[in-house]
Amino acid sequence: MNTTNQMIRTAFAGLITVGLVTASGQALAAKGDNEKCSGIVKAGKNDCGTSKTACAGTIKNDRDTEAWIYVPKGTCERIAGGEVVADKGDKK
């Protein structure tokens, strides 16, 4: 196996690893005592798509009212501009 081929395989394996770690981190953040908090997200740091974008991490403006991130329960209401986003199954 030549050096170039080995470097390409190593880089590809690294990308797959980073993707898996990122996906599992978001899944863990979604569980437990967390809630969705909108209106506090920095540009490019949202956890999910909105009506303006289809993917996480793609919001272009800071503090967009549609963009949300997971935070520990009770934290969102303590942040200026933060608003708890009710899940479809919630009766809030």
N, C-alpha and C. Protein backbone atom coordinates (compact mmCIF):
# COMPACT_ATOMS: atom_id res chain seq x y z
N MET A 1 0.86 -1.18 0.00
CA MET A 1 0.00 0.00 0.00
C MET A 1 0.90 1.24 0.00
N ASN A 2 0.62 2.18 -0.90
CA ASN A 2 1.46 3.38 -0.95
C ASN A 2 1.03 4.39 0.11
N THR A 3 1.89 5.36 0.33
CA THR A 3 1.67 6.35 1.40
C THR A 3 0.43 7.20 1.15
N THR A 4 0.19 7.60 -0.09
CA THR A 4 -0.97 8.44 -0.42
C THR A 4 -2.27 7.69 -0.13
N ASN A 5 -2.34 6.45 -0.52
CA ASN A 5 -3.54 5.65 -0.28
C ASN A 5 -3.80 5.49 1.22
N GLN A 6 -2.73 5.27 1.96
CA GLN A 6 -2.87 5.11 3.41
C GLN A 6 -3.34 6.41 4.06
N MET A 7 -2.82 7.54 3.60
CA MET A 7 -3.23 8.83 4.16
C MET A 7 -4.70 9.11 3.87
N ILE A 8 -5.16 8.75 2.67
CA ILE A 8 -6.56 8.97 2.31
C ILE A 8 -7.47 8.10 3.19
N ARG A 9 -7.08 6.85 3.38
CA ARG A 9 -7.88 5.97 4.24
C ARG A 9 -7.92 6.48 5.68
N THR A 10 -6.81 6.96 6.18
CA THR A 10 -6.75 7.49 7.55
C THR A 10 -7.64 8.73 7.69
N ALA A 11 -7.57 9.63 6.71
CA ALA A 11 -8.40 10.85 6.75
C ALA A 11 -9.88 10.49 6.69
N PHE A 12 -10.24 9.55 5.84
CA PHE A 12 -11.63 9.13 5.72
C PHE A 12 -12.14 8.52 7.03
N ALA A 13 -11.32 7.68 7.66
CA ALA A 13 -11.69 7.08 8.94
C ALA A 13 -11.87 8.16 10.01
N GLY A 14 -11.03 9.17 9.98
CA GLY A 14 -11.15 10.28 10.93
C GLY A 14 -12.44 11.04 10.75
N LEU A 15 -12.83 11.29 9.50
CA LEU A 15 -14.09 11.99 9.23
C LEU A 15 -15.29 11.20 9.72
N ILE A 16 -15.26 9.91 9.51
CA ILE A 16 -16.36 9.06 9.99
C ILE A 16 -16.42 9.10 11.51
N THR A 17 -15.28 9.04 12.16
CA THR A 17 -15.24 9.08 13.62
C THR A 17 -15.80 10.40 14.15
N VAL A 18 -15.39 11.51 13.56
CA VAL A 18 -15.89 12.82 14.00
C VAL A 18 -17.41 12.90 13.82
N GLY A 19 -17.91 12.40 12.70
CA GLY A 19 -19.36 12.41 12.46
C GLY A 19 -20.12 11.59 13.48
N LEU A 20 -19.60 10.42 13.82
CA LEU A 20 -20.26 9.58 14.82
C LEU A 20 -20.24 10.22 16.20
N VAL A 21 -19.13 10.82 16.57
CA VAL A 21 -19.03 11.47 17.88
C VAL A 21 -19.99 12.65 17.96
N THR A 22 -20.06 13.43 16.89
CA THR A 22 -20.98 14.58 16.87
C THR A 22 -22.43 14.12 16.96
N ALA A 23 -22.79 13.11 16.21
CA ALA A 23 -24.17 12.61 16.22
C ALA A 23 -24.54 12.06 17.59
N SER A 24 -23.63 11.33 18.22
CA SER A 24 -23.95 10.77 19.53
C SER A 24 -24.02 11.86 20.58
N GLY A 25 -23.22 12.91 20.43
CA GLY A 25 -23.28 14.03 21.38
C GLY A 25 -24.62 14.75 21.31
N GLN A 26 -25.14 14.93 20.10
CA GLN A 26 -26.44 15.57 19.95
C GLN A 26 -27.55 14.68 20.47
N ALA A 27 -27.43 13.39 20.28
CA ALA A 27 -28.44 12.46 20.78
C ALA A 27 -28.45 12.45 22.30
N LEU A 28 -27.27 12.51 22.91
CA LEU A 28 -27.20 12.54 24.37
C LEU A 28 -27.76 13.84 24.91
N ALA A 29 -27.51 14.95 24.20
CA ALA A 29 -28.03 16.23 24.65
C ALA A 29 -29.54 16.26 24.62
N ALA A 30 -30.15 15.49 23.72
CA ALA A 30 -31.59 15.48 23.58
C ALA A 30 -32.28 14.70 24.69
N LYS A 31 -31.54 13.85 25.37
CA LYS A 31 -32.14 13.02 26.41
C LYS A 31 -32.01 13.68 27.77
N GLY A 32 -32.67 13.08 28.72
CA GLY A 32 -32.51 13.52 30.10
C GLY A 32 -33.28 14.77 30.45
N ASP A 33 -32.73 15.54 31.33
CA ASP A 33 -33.39 16.73 31.83
C ASP A 33 -33.00 17.97 31.03
N ASN A 34 -33.26 17.94 29.74
CA ASN A 34 -32.97 19.08 28.88
C ASN A 34 -34.23 19.58 28.24
N GLU A 35 -34.19 20.83 27.78
CA GLU A 35 -35.31 21.43 27.08
C GLU A 35 -34.79 22.24 25.91
N LYS A 36 -35.65 22.46 24.94
CA LYS A 36 -35.29 23.26 23.78
C LYS A 36 -35.44 24.73 24.16
N CYS A 37 -34.41 25.52 23.84
CA CYS A 37 -34.43 26.95 24.16
C CYS A 37 -34.15 27.74 22.89
N SER A 38 -35.09 28.62 22.52
CA SER A 38 -34.91 29.42 21.31
C SER A 38 -34.62 30.87 21.68
N GLY A 39 -34.08 31.60 20.70
CA GLY A 39 -33.81 33.02 20.88
C GLY A 39 -32.46 33.33 21.51
N ILE A 40 -31.65 32.35 21.76
CA ILE A 40 -30.35 32.58 22.40
C ILE A 40 -29.18 32.04 21.58
N VAL A 41 -29.48 31.43 20.46
CA VAL A 41 -28.47 30.70 19.69
C VAL A 41 -27.56 31.65 18.91
N LYS A 42 -26.28 31.37 18.95
CA LYS A 42 -25.30 32.09 18.15
C LYS A 42 -25.37 31.56 16.71
N ALA A 43 -25.10 32.40 15.74
CA ALA A 43 -25.14 32.00 14.33
C ALA A 43 -24.30 30.74 14.11
N GLY A 44 -24.90 29.77 13.42
CA GLY A 44 -24.19 28.54 13.09
C GLY A 44 -24.13 27.51 14.20
N LYS A 45 -24.83 27.73 15.31
CA LYS A 45 -24.76 26.82 16.46
C LYS A 45 -26.09 26.19 16.82
N ASN A 46 -27.12 26.31 15.96
CA ASN A 46 -28.44 25.74 16.28
C ASN A 46 -28.41 24.22 16.23
N ASP A 47 -29.27 23.57 17.02
CA ASP A 47 -29.32 22.12 17.10
C ASP A 47 -30.22 21.46 16.07
N CYS A 48 -31.04 22.22 15.39
CA CYS A 48 -31.95 21.61 14.42
C CYS A 48 -32.34 22.63 13.36
N GLY A 49 -32.95 22.17 12.28
CA GLY A 49 -33.40 23.05 11.23
C GLY A 49 -34.57 23.92 11.65
N THR A 50 -34.82 24.96 10.88
CA THR A 50 -35.95 25.87 11.13
C THR A 50 -36.69 26.03 9.80
N SER A 51 -37.65 26.95 9.76
CA SER A 51 -38.34 27.19 8.49
C SER A 51 -37.41 27.88 7.49
N LYS A 52 -36.32 28.47 7.99
CA LYS A 52 -35.36 29.17 7.14
C LYS A 52 -34.22 28.28 6.67
N THR A 53 -33.90 27.24 7.43
CA THR A 53 -32.80 26.34 7.09
C THR A 53 -33.23 24.90 7.33
N ALA A 54 -32.57 23.97 6.67
CA ALA A 54 -32.96 22.57 6.79
C ALA A 54 -32.10 21.78 7.76
N CYS A 55 -30.95 22.31 8.15
CA CYS A 55 -30.01 21.51 8.94
C CYS A 55 -29.55 22.24 10.20
N ALA A 56 -29.05 21.45 11.14
CA ALA A 56 -28.44 22.01 12.35
C ALA A 56 -27.16 22.75 11.97
N GLY A 57 -26.87 23.80 12.70
CA GLY A 57 -25.63 24.54 12.49
C GLY A 57 -25.63 25.44 11.27
N THR A 58 -26.80 25.79 10.76
CA THR A 58 -26.84 26.58 9.53
C THR A 58 -27.55 27.93 9.68
N ILE A 59 -27.98 28.28 10.87
CA ILE A 59 -28.67 29.56 11.05
C ILE A 59 -27.65 30.69 10.84
N LYS A 60 -28.04 31.76 10.18
CA LYS A 60 -27.09 32.80 9.81
C LYS A 60 -27.05 33.99 10.75
N ASN A 61 -28.05 34.15 11.61
CA ASN A 61 -28.11 35.31 12.50
C ASN A 61 -28.10 34.89 13.96
N ASP A 62 -27.40 35.66 14.79
CA ASP A 62 -27.44 35.43 16.23
C ASP A 62 -28.85 35.69 16.75
N ARG A 63 -29.24 34.92 17.77
CA ARG A 63 -30.48 35.11 18.50
C ARG A 63 -31.74 35.01 17.63
N ASP A 64 -31.70 34.20 16.58
CA ASP A 64 -32.87 33.98 15.75
C ASP A 64 -33.96 33.35 16.61
N THR A 65 -35.18 33.84 16.48
CA THR A 65 -36.27 33.36 17.34
C THR A 65 -36.71 31.94 17.04
N GLU A 66 -36.41 31.42 15.84
CA GLU A 66 -36.78 30.05 15.48
C GLU A 66 -35.69 29.05 15.86
N ALA A 67 -34.46 29.48 15.90
CA ALA A 67 -33.34 28.57 16.16
C ALA A 67 -33.29 28.22 17.65
N TRP A 68 -33.03 26.92 17.92
CA TRP A 68 -33.00 26.49 19.33
C TRP A 68 -31.81 25.57 19.58
N ILE A 69 -31.48 25.44 20.86
CA ILE A 69 -30.47 24.49 21.32
C ILE A 69 -30.99 23.81 22.58
N TYR A 70 -30.43 22.66 22.89
CA TYR A 70 -30.80 21.99 24.14
C TYR A 70 -30.01 22.60 25.30
N VAL A 71 -30.70 22.89 26.38
CA VAL A 71 -30.07 23.38 27.62
C VAL A 71 -30.68 22.62 28.79
N PRO A 72 -29.99 22.57 29.92
CA PRO A 72 -30.59 21.91 31.10
C PRO A 72 -31.90 22.60 31.48
N LYS A 73 -32.88 21.79 31.91
CA LYS A 73 -34.19 22.34 32.30
C LYS A 73 -34.03 23.44 33.33
N GLY A 74 -34.81 24.49 33.15
CA GLY A 74 -34.79 25.62 34.07
C GLY A 74 -33.78 26.70 33.70
N THR A 75 -32.89 26.39 32.77
CA THR A 75 -31.86 27.35 32.38
C THR A 75 -32.38 28.38 31.38
N CYS A 76 -33.19 27.95 30.44
CA CYS A 76 -33.65 28.82 29.36
C CYS A 76 -34.37 30.06 29.88
N GLU A 77 -35.26 29.85 30.82
CA GLU A 77 -36.04 30.98 31.34
C GLU A 77 -35.19 32.00 32.09
N ARG A 78 -33.98 31.59 32.45
CA ARG A 78 -33.07 32.49 33.19
C ARG A 78 -32.17 33.29 32.26
N ILE A 79 -32.20 33.00 30.95
CA ILE A 79 -31.37 33.69 29.97
C ILE A 79 -32.21 34.76 29.28
N ALA A 80 -31.68 35.99 29.21
CA ALA A 80 -32.39 37.08 28.55
C ALA A 80 -32.66 36.73 27.10
N GLY A 81 -33.91 36.76 26.70
CA GLY A 81 -34.30 36.44 25.33
C GLY A 81 -34.62 34.98 25.10
N GLY A 82 -34.36 34.13 26.08
CA GLY A 82 -34.61 32.70 25.93
C GLY A 82 -36.08 32.36 26.09
N GLU A 83 -36.55 31.45 25.26
CA GLU A 83 -37.93 31.00 25.34
C GLU A 83 -37.96 29.49 25.15
N VAL A 84 -38.63 28.78 26.06
CA VAL A 84 -38.73 27.33 25.98
C VAL A 84 -39.62 26.96 24.80
N VAL A 85 -39.13 26.04 23.98
CA VAL A 85 -39.87 25.56 22.81
C VAL A 85 -40.59 24.28 23.22
N ALA A 86 -41.90 24.27 23.10
CA ALA A 86 -42.68 23.09 23.48
C ALA A 86 -42.60 22.05 22.36
N ASP A 87 -42.38 20.79 22.74
CA ASP A 87 -42.42 19.70 21.78
C ASP A 87 -43.86 19.51 21.33
N LYS A 88 -44.04 18.85 20.21
CA LYS A 88 -45.39 18.63 19.68
C LYS A 88 -46.30 17.88 20.66
N GLY A 89 -45.71 17.01 21.47
CA GLY A 89 -46.48 16.23 22.42
C GLY A 89 -46.74 16.95 23.73
N ASP A 90 -46.01 18.06 23.97
CA ASP A 90 -46.18 18.82 25.22
C ASP A 90 -47.47 19.61 25.20
N LYS A 91 -48.00 19.88 26.38
CA LYS A 91 -49.20 20.71 26.49
C LYS A 91 -48.86 21.96 27.26
N LYS A 92 -47.94 22.77 26.71
CA LYS A 92 -47.50 24.02 27.34
C LYS A 92 -48.19 25.19 26.71
